[in-house]
Protein backbone atom coordinates (compact mmCIF):
# COMPACT_ATOMS: atom_id res chain seq x y z
CA MET A 1 69.35 103.06 86.74
CA ARG A 2 65.83 101.83 86.31
CA ARG A 3 65.71 100.58 89.97
CA ALA A 4 65.39 102.14 93.15
CA LEU A 5 68.55 103.87 94.80
CA VAL A 6 69.97 105.28 97.63
CA ILE A 7 72.92 107.37 98.50
CA ALA A 8 75.27 107.28 101.89
CA MET A 9 75.49 110.50 103.56
CA LEU A 10 77.82 110.56 106.21
CA VAL A 11 78.01 113.86 108.04
CA ILE A 12 81.10 114.39 110.42
CA GLY A 13 81.96 117.08 113.35
CA CYS A 14 84.90 117.20 115.92
CA GLY A 15 84.68 115.66 119.25
CA GLU A 16 86.84 113.98 122.12
CA PRO A 17 88.44 110.79 120.87
CA ALA A 18 86.50 107.27 121.13
CA SER A 19 87.25 103.76 121.35
CA VAL A 20 86.98 101.40 117.99
CA GLU A 21 83.69 100.29 117.79
CA ARG A 22 81.33 98.25 115.49
CA ALA A 23 77.44 98.82 115.68
CA GLU A 24 74.51 98.27 114.12
CA ALA A 25 72.42 101.58 112.77
CA THR A 26 70.55 103.29 115.83
CA THR A 27 67.64 105.55 114.77
CA THR A 28 67.91 109.14 116.75
CA THR A 29 65.29 110.45 118.72
CA THR A 30 64.55 114.15 119.79
CA GLY A 31 61.67 113.69 121.41
CA ALA A 32 59.25 114.56 118.70
CA GLU A 33 58.42 111.17 117.40
CA GLU A 34 55.18 112.29 116.65
CA LEU A 35 56.28 114.68 113.82
CA PRO A 36 56.87 112.70 110.23
CA GLY A 37 59.85 112.16 108.62
CA PRO A 38 63.85 111.69 110.12
CA ALA A 39 65.02 114.04 113.02
CA TRP A 40 67.82 115.42 110.83
CA SER A 41 64.73 117.20 108.63
CA ARG A 42 63.95 119.31 111.60
CA ASP A 43 66.63 119.50 114.44
CA PRO A 44 68.70 122.81 114.75
CA ASP A 45 72.35 121.23 115.40
CA PRO A 46 74.51 121.86 112.65
CA LEU A 47 74.97 118.48 110.89
CA ALA A 48 71.21 118.39 110.27
CA VAL A 49 71.17 122.04 108.97
CA ARG A 50 73.61 121.18 106.49
CA ALA A 51 72.03 117.71 105.46
CA ARG A 52 68.90 119.94 105.08
CA ALA A 53 71.07 122.18 102.56
CA LEU A 54 71.92 119.08 100.61
CA ALA A 55 68.51 117.87 100.44
CA ALA A 56 67.51 121.06 99.20
CA ARG A 57 69.28 120.71 96.27
CA LEU A 58 68.17 117.31 95.31
CA GLU A 59 64.58 118.66 95.96
CA PRO A 60 64.15 119.96 91.91
CA TYR A 61 64.51 116.20 91.56
CA GLU A 62 61.74 115.01 93.49
CA ALA A 63 64.04 113.86 96.48
CA LEU A 64 62.53 113.82 100.11
CA PRO A 65 63.80 113.21 103.56
CA SER A 66 63.37 109.59 104.31
CA THR A 67 63.71 107.19 107.33
CA THR A 68 65.34 104.22 105.60
CA ILE A 69 68.26 104.84 107.60
CA GLU A 70 69.32 107.47 110.27
CA SER A 71 72.02 107.33 112.72
CA ARG A 72 74.31 109.64 114.89
CA PHE A 73 77.61 108.32 116.51
CA PHE A 74 80.88 109.46 117.29
CA LEU A 75 83.78 107.87 114.84
CA ALA A 76 87.68 107.95 116.35
CA ALA A 77 90.62 108.33 114.01
CA ARG A 78 90.95 104.78 112.20
CA GLY A 79 87.73 103.75 113.91
CA THR A 80 85.10 101.80 112.12
CA ARG A 81 81.21 101.40 112.22
CA ALA A 82 78.72 99.06 110.47
CA LEU A 83 74.99 100.09 109.95
CA GLU A 84 72.45 97.84 108.57
CA LEU A 85 69.87 98.84 106.42
CA GLU A 86 67.03 97.69 104.12
CA LEU A 87 65.64 99.12 101.13
CA PRO A 88 62.27 98.03 100.14
CA ALA A 89 61.23 96.70 96.53
CA GLY A 90 60.40 99.51 94.27
CA THR A 91 61.74 102.19 96.22
CA CYS A 92 64.28 105.00 95.63
CA ALA A 93 66.24 106.48 98.54
CA VAL A 94 69.34 108.67 98.88
CA LEU A 95 71.88 108.45 101.88
CA ALA A 96 74.00 112.07 101.72
CA THR A 97 77.28 112.58 102.77
CA LEU A 98 78.59 115.96 104.75
CA ALA A 99 81.93 116.17 106.84
CA SER A 100 83.30 118.62 109.25
CA SER A 101 86.92 119.73 109.14
CA GLY A 102 87.45 117.41 111.83
CA MET A 103 87.06 114.05 109.81
CA ARG A 104 89.32 114.43 106.73
CA ASP A 105 89.19 111.23 105.03
CA LEU A 106 85.85 108.97 105.49
CA ASP A 107 85.48 106.07 103.66
CA ALA A 108 82.53 103.93 103.27
CA ARG A 109 81.85 100.25 101.41
CA LEU A 110 78.99 98.35 101.13
CA PHE A 111 78.78 94.86 101.80
CA THR A 112 75.88 91.86 101.55
CA PRO A 113 74.65 90.13 104.83
CA GLU A 114 76.97 87.44 103.86
CA GLY A 115 80.11 89.91 103.59
CA ALA A 116 80.69 90.19 99.93
CA LEU A 117 81.66 94.18 98.52
CA ILE A 118 78.91 95.35 96.68
CA THR A 119 80.31 98.84 96.19
CA GLU A 120 82.15 101.77 97.57
CA ASP A 121 83.44 105.15 97.76
CA VAL A 122 87.12 105.61 99.18
CA ALA A 123 88.46 108.87 97.50
CA PRO A 124 90.42 110.94 99.87
CA ASP A 125 87.67 113.52 100.88
CA SER A 126 85.41 113.30 103.93
CA HIS A 127 82.20 112.88 101.96
CA PRO A 128 81.80 109.74 101.09
CA ALA A 129 78.69 108.54 99.00
CA ILE A 130 77.11 105.10 98.02
CA VAL A 131 74.14 104.88 95.47
CA PHE A 132 72.11 101.65 96.22
CA CYS A 133 69.36 100.30 94.16
CA ALA A 134 67.18 97.89 95.39
CA THR A 135 65.42 95.03 93.25
CA GLU A 136 62.25 95.41 91.74
CA HIS A 137 60.40 92.26 93.46
CA ALA A 138 62.35 92.04 96.69
CA SER A 139 63.66 94.02 99.37
CA SER A 140 67.47 94.39 99.43
CA ARG A 141 69.36 94.34 102.78
CA ALA A 142 73.06 95.41 103.06
CA TRP A 143 75.31 96.65 105.65
CA LEU A 144 77.22 99.84 105.18
CA VAL A 145 80.68 100.03 106.83
CA LEU A 146 82.32 103.55 107.60
CA ASP A 147 86.15 103.89 107.96
CA ALA A 148 87.60 106.93 109.47
CA TYR A 149 91.06 106.75 107.51
CA ASP A 150 92.06 110.34 108.84
CA GLY A 151 90.40 112.19 111.60
CA SER A 152 87.38 111.81 113.84
CA GLY A 153 84.42 113.11 114.77
CA ALA A 154 80.55 113.20 115.26
CA VAL A 155 78.64 111.12 112.37
CA LEU A 156 74.96 111.89 111.17
CA VAL A 157 73.69 109.20 108.78
CA ALA A 158 70.94 110.35 106.87
CA SER A 159 68.60 109.27 104.01
CA LEU A 160 66.41 110.59 101.23
CA ALA A 161 63.71 108.92 98.94
CA ILE A 162 64.41 109.75 95.26
CA PRO A 163 63.04 108.70 91.96
CA SER A 164 65.37 105.93 90.09
CA ASP A 165 65.65 107.98 87.02
CA ALA A 166 67.39 110.75 88.95
CA LEU A 167 70.57 108.49 89.14
CA HIS A 168 72.63 110.61 86.68
CA VAL A 169 72.18 114.02 89.10
CA VAL A 170 74.00 111.90 92.06
CA ALA A 171 77.59 112.60 91.36
CA ARG A 172 77.11 116.23 89.77
CA GLU A 173 75.02 117.36 93.04
CA LEU A 174 77.13 115.31 95.76
CA GLY A 175 80.36 115.67 94.12
CA GLY A 176 83.57 113.44 94.69
CA THR A 177 83.13 109.73 93.05
CA PRO A 178 80.09 107.67 94.74
CA GLY A 179 79.93 104.06 94.45
CA ILE A 180 76.75 103.07 92.74
CA ALA A 181 74.72 99.65 93.41
CA ARG A 182 71.67 99.15 91.51
CA ASP A 183 70.75 95.87 93.60
CA GLY A 184 71.71 93.81 96.26
CA GLU A 185 74.44 91.75 94.48
CA ALA A 186 77.84 92.02 95.10
CA ARG A 187 80.20 93.47 92.13
CA SER A 188 83.24 92.20 90.46
CA GLU A 189 86.73 93.90 91.11
CA LEU A 190 86.41 95.20 87.51
CA GLU A 191 82.86 96.91 88.32
CA ILE A 192 83.85 98.26 91.16
CA ALA A 193 87.15 99.87 89.47
CA LEU A 194 85.16 101.36 86.80
CA LEU A 195 82.53 102.93 89.38
CA ARG A 196 85.58 104.22 91.61
CA ARG A 197 86.47 106.25 88.27
CA GLY A 198 82.82 107.63 87.95
CA LEU A 199 81.36 105.24 85.35
CA GLU A 200 77.83 104.14 85.76
CA ILE A 201 76.32 100.77 84.15
CA THR A 202 73.46 102.15 82.32
CA ALA A 203 71.77 98.67 81.50
CA ALA A 204 71.53 95.28 82.31
CA PRO A 205 74.22 92.99 80.48
CA LEU A 206 73.52 92.08 76.71
CA GLU A 207 74.05 88.20 76.21
CA VAL A 208 75.75 87.73 72.87
CA THR A 209 75.90 84.11 71.27
CA LEU A 210 79.65 83.31 69.44
CA ALA A 211 79.67 80.35 66.71
CA ARG A 212 82.88 79.36 65.75
CA ASP A 213 84.66 81.56 63.46
CA GLN A 214 81.78 84.00 63.76
CA ARG A 215 82.49 88.00 64.12
CA VAL A 216 79.27 89.34 65.89
CA ARG A 217 78.84 93.62 66.12
CA VAL A 218 76.70 94.86 68.79
CA PRO A 219 75.96 98.53 67.58
CA LEU A 220 77.00 101.54 70.60
CA ARG A 221 75.22 105.07 69.83
CA ALA A 222 77.43 107.14 71.60
CA ARG A 223 76.89 110.80 72.76
CA ALA A 224 78.84 113.83 72.67
CA GLY A 225 80.99 114.71 75.98
CA ARG A 226 80.59 111.03 76.91
CA CYS A 227 82.88 108.38 77.81
CA TYR A 228 82.49 104.70 77.41
CA ALA A 229 83.45 101.33 78.42
CA VAL A 230 82.75 98.01 77.12
CA ILE A 231 83.32 95.05 79.27
CA ALA A 232 83.38 91.63 77.81
CA THR A 233 82.81 88.94 80.13
CA PRO A 234 83.06 85.16 78.24
CA ARG A 235 80.78 82.44 79.94
CA ALA A 236 81.85 78.91 80.75
CA PRO A 237 83.16 76.97 78.66
CA LEU A 238 83.91 80.07 76.40
CA ALA A 239 87.53 80.83 77.87
CA SER A 240 87.96 84.08 75.94
CA VAL A 241 87.06 86.48 73.22
CA ALA A 242 88.51 89.24 71.14
CA MET A 243 86.94 92.62 70.95
CA ARG A 244 87.41 95.68 69.46
CA LEU A 245 85.65 99.23 68.32
CA LEU A 246 84.61 99.89 64.96
CA ASP A 247 83.42 102.83 62.98
CA LEU A 248 80.20 102.64 60.88
CA ALA A 249 82.44 102.28 57.80
CA GLY A 250 84.00 98.86 59.61
CA ARG A 251 87.52 100.91 60.63
CA PRO A 252 89.23 99.75 63.76
CA LEU A 253 89.25 102.45 66.04
CA ALA A 254 90.47 100.55 69.30
CA ASP A 255 91.47 97.03 70.76
CA ALA A 256 90.21 95.43 73.54
CA ASP A 257 93.02 95.38 76.86
CA ALA A 258 93.94 92.13 76.34
CA SER A 259 93.83 91.14 80.37
CA GLU A 260 90.50 93.08 81.03
CA ASN A 261 88.43 92.42 77.95
CA VAL A 262 87.86 95.81 78.30
CA LEU A 263 87.52 99.05 75.59
CA GLN A 264 87.46 102.31 76.73
CA ARG A 265 86.41 105.77 74.69
CA CYS A 266 85.30 109.33 74.97
CA GLU A 267 83.29 110.67 72.08
CA THR A 268 83.31 114.98 71.19
CA GLU A 269 80.25 114.06 68.86
CA ASP A 270 77.24 112.05 68.46
CA VAL A 271 78.05 109.24 66.69
CA GLU A 272 77.15 105.42 65.67
CA ARG A 273 80.09 102.77 66.94
CA ALA A 274 80.17 99.35 66.50
CA ILE A 275 81.44 96.49 69.14
CA GLU A 276 82.76 93.49 67.00
CA LEU A 277 83.46 90.03 69.12
CA TRP A 278 84.92 87.12 67.71
CA SER A 279 85.89 83.65 69.54
CA GLY A 280 88.13 82.11 67.09
CA ASP A 281 87.57 78.37 67.10
CA ALA A 282 85.83 78.45 70.08
CA GLU A 283 81.81 79.15 70.64
CA GLY A 284 79.69 80.09 73.62
CA VAL A 285 78.06 83.17 74.95
CA VAL A 286 79.62 86.27 75.99
CA SER A 287 77.91 89.01 78.28
CA ILE A 288 78.77 92.51 77.27
CA THR A 289 78.18 95.54 80.23
CA ILE A 290 78.11 99.06 78.93
CA ALA A 291 79.36 101.91 81.95
CA GLU A 292 79.56 105.46 80.93
CA GLY A 293 80.29 108.87 82.55
CA ASP A 294 80.84 112.92 81.86
CA ASP A 295 83.79 113.71 80.11
CA ASP A 296 84.28 116.40 82.10
CA ARG A 297 84.13 114.78 85.30
CA LEU A 298 86.48 111.90 84.05
CA GLY A 299 88.74 114.37 82.50
CA GLY A 300 88.39 113.15 79.24
CA SER A 301 90.64 110.24 77.51
CA ALA A 302 93.44 111.07 80.30
CA GLY A 303 90.88 109.97 82.72
CA LEU A 304 90.44 106.70 81.10
CA TRP A 305 92.71 103.64 82.53
CA LEU A 306 91.25 100.17 81.42
CA GLY A 307 91.88 99.64 77.80
CA GLY A 308 91.03 101.88 75.04
CA VAL A 309 94.66 101.52 73.66
CA PRO A 310 94.61 103.39 70.17
CA ARG A 311 95.87 100.79 67.40
CA ASP A 312 98.89 103.06 66.43
CA ALA A 313 100.04 103.56 69.73
CA ILE A 314 100.05 99.48 70.18
CA ALA A 315 102.26 99.47 67.39
CA ALA A 316 104.76 102.56 68.11
CA SER A 317 105.79 100.96 71.36
CA GLY A 318 106.15 97.65 70.06
CA GLY A 319 104.13 95.80 72.74
CA ARG A 320 100.80 96.17 74.18
CA ARG A 321 98.88 97.62 77.32
CA VAL A 322 97.76 94.71 79.28
CA ALA A 323 96.88 95.95 82.48
CA ARG A 324 96.21 99.92 84.34
CA GLY A 325 94.69 100.68 87.74
CA THR A 326 94.47 102.93 90.49
CA LEU A 327 96.39 102.16 93.79
CA ALA A 328 96.31 103.20 97.55
CA ARG A 329 99.42 103.23 99.38
CA GLY A 330 100.52 99.53 100.24
CA GLU A 331 97.54 98.66 98.07
CA VAL A 332 97.96 95.34 95.90
CA ALA A 333 96.33 94.72 92.57
CA ALA A 334 95.79 91.46 90.94
CA HIS A 335 95.76 90.81 87.28
CA ARG A 336 95.82 87.77 84.83
CA VAL A 337 97.94 88.82 81.46
CA ARG A 338 98.08 86.10 78.45
CA VAL A 339 101.66 86.15 77.15
CA PRO A 340 102.64 84.38 73.57
CA ARG A 341 105.53 82.10 72.97
CA GLY A 342 109.04 83.41 72.93
CA CYS A 343 110.72 86.15 75.23
CA VAL A 344 108.65 89.01 76.77
CA GLU A 345 109.20 91.77 79.19
CA LEU A 346 106.18 92.77 81.60
CA VAL A 347 107.00 96.53 83.00
CA ALA A 348 105.22 97.99 85.44
CA ARG A 349 105.40 102.13 85.66
CA PRO A 350 103.56 104.57 87.51
CA GLU A 351 101.32 107.13 86.01
CA ALA A 352 99.08 109.78 87.62
CA GLY A 353 99.90 110.43 91.24
CA THR A 354 102.60 110.40 93.71
CA ILE A 355 103.61 106.57 93.62
CA ALA A 356 107.38 106.64 94.25
CA ARG A 357 107.90 102.81 93.93
CA LEU A 358 106.02 99.55 92.74
CA ALA A 359 106.37 95.89 93.28
CA LEU A 360 105.92 93.88 90.41
CA ASP A 361 105.38 89.88 91.29
CA VAL A 362 104.95 87.25 88.26
CA ARG A 363 103.88 84.19 90.29
CA ASP A 364 106.57 81.24 89.42
CA VAL A 365 108.52 83.55 87.50
CA ALA A 366 110.09 86.35 89.64
CA ARG A 367 109.34 89.51 91.89
CA THR A 368 111.23 92.76 91.44
CA GLU A 369 110.85 96.08 93.24
CA SER A 370 111.60 99.87 91.52
CA ARG A 371 109.99 102.84 90.40
CA SER A 372 109.07 100.97 86.89
CA PRO A 373 109.98 97.01 87.66
CA THR A 374 110.62 94.98 84.84
CA VAL A 375 110.25 91.11 84.68
CA GLU A 376 111.37 89.05 82.09
CA ARG A 377 110.01 85.75 80.81
CA CYS A 378 110.54 83.12 78.20
CA GLY A 379 108.25 79.92 77.22
CA ASP A 380 105.16 78.67 75.68
CA PRO A 381 102.02 80.56 75.40
CA ALA A 382 100.64 80.87 78.97
CA THR A 383 98.45 82.57 81.14
CA LEU A 384 100.11 84.67 84.13
CA ASP A 385 99.04 85.69 87.52
CA VAL A 386 100.46 89.35 87.86
CA THR A 387 100.22 91.51 91.14
CA ILE A 388 101.01 95.05 91.56
CA THR A 389 101.94 96.85 95.16
CA ALA A 390 102.07 100.34 95.77
CA LEU A 391 105.17 100.74 98.00
CA GLY A 392 104.81 104.54 98.45
CA GLY A 393 102.60 106.57 97.57
CA ALA A 394 99.52 106.23 95.61
CA GLY A 395 97.92 106.85 92.20
CA ASP A 396 97.61 105.38 88.56
CA TYR A 397 100.08 102.71 87.22
CA ALA A 398 100.36 100.70 84.22
CA VAL A 399 101.54 97.31 82.81
CA ASP A 400 102.85 97.09 79.28
CA LEU A 401 103.62 93.70 77.70
CA ARG A 402 106.66 93.76 74.97
CA PRO A 403 108.76 91.55 73.10
CA ARG A 404 112.50 91.17 74.57
CA GLU A 405 115.17 92.97 72.32
């Protein structure tokens, strides 16, 4: 959040069908090259007018029209266009996204020049937004890829300059679920998943060193009306780490998700918490990343889907939640699940959304399909590769691990 940022803004209109094409960004010219600023800041066409209206909403946060990237083109249904951009070091920019009725669902993804995904906005709407933050000491290059998932039309890509400390206003002013990238580096699948849900990574990761049989507590100052996700990433050779959330008296509030090493919780008051880490008889370094978002935007605890499983809920079910996520129609999600000795059941089930049927595939064990597929496994302790596929519909899913009765 302390670095430069950009928000991708795509404006769509109606038009004749066109062939699918992929091209670099092109600068719009209107015969008024001698005038400063981008063409959309003065053009009279409807797309430019709507872009200026959004810029006016960001003006109180010192946002200004920018020439970082500007492109106009037609995108046919199911078409794709790739635009190259470069954000100078130490600068801030916003690419704002608008869409006409002709484009019903437009997706945006940001990639490194090598092709690794940085972030994305694939919400089912026609105004995807990408928040792109450059590094402090070097410019950041990236490719913005636009996919017309449903509909077609004319597109305007525009940018605005904005101070880096205004990141928190982006989602509120633009709406939707903007993809967020604070530099030009690729993001992990977990970070992408958190960002899809509107959780922003608010600070650089904290490196914590763990000795054998040592429990380390990291303070967390939580604010009222905010939801938090704490992600623990063990560094090699440390293979795993246990994590739980405590109150100041040391009482456990929640255990981390066993497969993702994530804690999530929403708070109703300003409060001090502690994150407790433990690596058992191993030693090494674990990286702690904290993401947060507005309770209203996430929908409170019901909007959380990674970790944050209350201890009493685990006890009541006789098992534990090992994975949660969100799937588009036909999309596949992968998880690694640690199972104990003996016989257990892995159960996948739809939660919110329209998923009618799931496929649960446990490598080297079994694959099954139903609305709530179940796979049984007996044997020694192991880490299983598990994939979930949405065979019909889209929405949230959960995977529970429970002892076989």
